[in-house]
Amino acid sequence: MRDDVIASMLLAVLEGKLLLELVGARVKDYVTGYNREYDTFKTLSLDAPMGGTDLRRIDLLEAPTPYEPENDEDEDMVMLRGAQSLWR
């Protein structure tokens, strides 16, 4: 990986796309570009089957429970949290 990033930066310097003085400041950009191109961290899909089974990662996630306001809560606070207003 290191050699590929160095080669990309050297090519950019030779092509005039990267100034030699800015090489140190732009290393992060080139590493990010390498990771995007080769997916070093192996981003996994939630819909992909897990290791030779029919089970998917998304099947293991639990659905969030809907918010149920308590009877003694202030109506203004319920609205601030994003729940539906009791006012009509």
C-alpha atoms as a PDB file:
ATOM      1  CA  MET A   1       0.000   0.000   0.000  1.00  0.00           C
ATOM      2  CA  ARG A   2       2.771   2.398   0.955  1.00  0.00           C
ATOM      3  CA  ASP A   3       4.593   1.851  -2.334  1.00  0.00           C
ATOM      4  CA  ASP A   4       1.404   2.442  -4.331  1.00  0.00           C
ATOM      5  CA  VAL A   5       0.693   5.732  -2.542  1.00  0.00           C
ATOM      6  CA  ILE A   6       4.287   6.874  -3.040  1.00  0.00           C
ATOM      7  CA  ALA A   7       4.131   5.945  -6.728  1.00  0.00           C
ATOM      8  CA  SER A   8       0.871   7.870  -7.175  1.00  0.00           C
ATOM      9  CA  MET A   9       2.339  10.938  -5.516  1.00  0.00           C
ATOM     10  CA  LEU A  10       5.558  10.699  -7.557  1.00  0.00           C
ATOM     11  CA  LEU A  11       3.544  10.432 -10.759  1.00  0.00           C
ATOM     12  CA  ALA A  12       1.482  13.480  -9.749  1.00  0.00           C
ATOM     13  CA  VAL A  13       4.709  15.458  -9.115  1.00  0.00           C
ATOM     14  CA  LEU A  14       6.161  14.414 -12.475  1.00  0.00           C
ATOM     15  CA  GLU A  15       2.914  15.331 -14.260  1.00  0.00           C
ATOM     16  CA  GLY A  16       2.841  18.717 -12.536  1.00  0.00           C
ATOM     17  CA  LYS A  17      -0.385  18.005 -10.640  1.00  0.00           C
ATOM     18  CA  LEU A  18       1.342  18.135  -7.238  1.00  0.00           C
ATOM     19  CA  LEU A  19       4.015  20.578  -6.156  1.00  0.00           C
ATOM     20  CA  LEU A  20       7.008  19.016  -4.445  1.00  0.00           C
ATOM     21  CA  GLU A  21       6.637  21.465  -1.542  1.00  0.00           C
ATOM     22  CA  LEU A  22       3.074  20.223  -0.857  1.00  0.00           C
ATOM     23  CA  VAL A  23       3.828  16.489  -0.794  1.00  0.00           C
ATOM     24  CA  GLY A  24       3.775  16.270   3.019  1.00  0.00           C
ATOM     25  CA  ALA A  25       0.507  18.182   3.269  1.00  0.00           C
ATOM     26  CA  ARG A  26      -1.267  16.040   0.656  1.00  0.00           C
ATOM     27  CA  VAL A  27      -0.306  12.547   1.868  1.00  0.00           C
ATOM     28  CA  LYS A  28      -3.680  12.062   3.580  1.00  0.00           C
ATOM     29  CA  ASP A  29      -5.522  12.840   0.322  1.00  0.00           C
ATOM     30  CA  TYR A  30      -3.564  10.191  -1.569  1.00  0.00           C
ATOM     31  CA  VAL A  31      -4.011   7.562   1.169  1.00  0.00           C
ATOM     32  CA  THR A  32      -7.760   8.270   1.182  1.00  0.00           C
ATOM     33  CA  GLY A  33      -7.816   7.910  -2.605  1.00  0.00           C
ATOM     34  CA  TYR A  34      -5.998   4.592  -2.381  1.00  0.00           C
ATOM     35  CA  ASN A  35      -8.441   3.288   0.248  1.00  0.00           C
ATOM     36  CA  ARG A  36     -11.411   4.301  -1.885  1.00  0.00           C
ATOM     37  CA  GLU A  37      -9.980   2.645  -4.968  1.00  0.00           C
ATOM     38  CA  TYR A  38      -8.963  -0.645  -3.389  1.00  0.00           C
ATOM     39  CA  ASP A  39     -11.396  -0.763  -0.425  1.00  0.00           C
ATOM     40  CA  THR A  40      -8.654  -1.642   2.052  1.00  0.00           C
ATOM     41  CA  PHE A  41     -11.041  -1.771   4.989  1.00  0.00           C
ATOM     42  CA  LYS A  42     -13.483  -4.119   3.214  1.00  0.00           C
ATOM     43  CA  THR A  43     -16.784  -2.341   3.640  1.00  0.00           C
ATOM     44  CA  LEU A  44     -19.422  -5.019   4.051  1.00  0.00           C
ATOM     45  CA  SER A  45     -23.005  -4.871   2.861  1.00  0.00           C
ATOM     46  CA  LEU A  46     -25.760  -5.552   5.374  1.00  0.00           C
ATOM     47  CA  ASP A  47     -27.577  -7.558   2.690  1.00  0.00           C
ATOM     48  CA  ALA A  48     -24.636  -9.843   1.872  1.00  0.00           C
ATOM     49  CA  PRO A  49     -24.875 -13.415   3.183  1.00  0.00           C
ATOM     50  CA  MET A  50     -22.591 -14.268   6.094  1.00  0.00           C
ATOM     51  CA  GLY A  51     -19.906 -16.923   5.604  1.00  0.00           C
ATOM     52  CA  GLY A  52     -21.628 -19.660   3.626  1.00  0.00           C
ATOM     53  CA  THR A  53     -25.022 -19.305   5.326  1.00  0.00           C
ATOM     54  CA  ASP A  54     -28.315 -17.817   4.242  1.00  0.00           C
ATOM     55  CA  LEU A  55     -28.205 -15.447   7.225  1.00  0.00           C
ATOM     56  CA  ARG A  56     -27.639 -11.767   6.441  1.00  0.00           C
ATOM     57  CA  ARG A  57     -26.167  -9.130   8.766  1.00  0.00           C
ATOM     58  CA  ILE A  58     -29.332  -7.069   8.558  1.00  0.00           C
ATOM     59  CA  ASP A  59     -31.266 -10.018  10.024  1.00  0.00           C
ATOM     60  CA  LEU A  60     -29.263  -9.637  13.241  1.00  0.00           C
ATOM     61  CA  LEU A  61     -30.253  -5.992  13.801  1.00  0.00           C
ATOM     62  CA  GLU A  62     -33.117  -5.192  16.096  1.00  0.00           C
ATOM     63  CA  ALA A  63     -35.724  -2.636  15.037  1.00  0.00           C
ATOM     64  CA  PRO A  64     -35.863   0.391  17.348  1.00  0.00           C
ATOM     65  CA  THR A  65     -38.880   0.648  19.602  1.00  0.00           C
ATOM     66  CA  PRO A  66     -41.150   3.624  18.894  1.00  0.00           C
ATOM     67  CA  TYR A  67     -41.161   6.428  21.428  1.00  0.00           C
ATOM     68  CA  GLU A  68     -44.053   6.301  23.861  1.00  0.00           C
ATOM     69  CA  PRO A  69     -44.416   9.488  25.941  1.00  0.00           C
ATOM     70  CA  GLU A  70     -45.326   9.095  29.594  1.00  0.00           C
ATOM     71  CA  ASN A  71     -48.621  10.567  30.787  1.00  0.00           C
ATOM     72  CA  ASP A  72     -47.011  13.072  33.141  1.00  0.00           C
ATOM     73  CA  GLU A  73     -44.534  14.492  30.585  1.00  0.00           C
ATOM     74  CA  ASP A  74     -44.637  18.131  29.595  1.00  0.00           C
ATOM     75  CA  GLU A  75     -46.157  18.504  26.105  1.00  0.00           C
ATOM     76  CA  ASP A  76     -43.499  21.026  25.059  1.00  0.00           C
ATOM     77  CA  MET A  77     -40.716  18.560  25.864  1.00  0.00           C
ATOM     78  CA  VAL A  78     -42.439  15.829  23.878  1.00  0.00           C
ATOM     79  CA  MET A  79     -42.498  18.110  20.824  1.00  0.00           C
ATOM     80  CA  LEU A  80     -38.809  18.989  21.256  1.00  0.00           C
ATOM     81  CA  ARG A  81     -37.871  15.288  21.206  1.00  0.00           C
ATOM     82  CA  GLY A  82     -39.640  14.828  17.868  1.00  0.00           C
ATOM     83  CA  ALA A  83     -42.738  13.031  19.078  1.00  0.00           C
ATOM     84  CA  GLN A  84     -46.137  14.061  17.797  1.00  0.00           C
ATOM     85  CA  SER A  85     -47.857  16.944  19.482  1.00  0.00           C
ATOM     86  CA  LEU A  86     -50.944  16.395  21.606  1.00  0.00           C
ATOM     87  CA  TRP A  87     -52.230  19.796  20.475  1.00  0.00           C
ATOM     88  CA  ARG A  88     -54.549  19.881  17.523  1.00  0.00           C
END
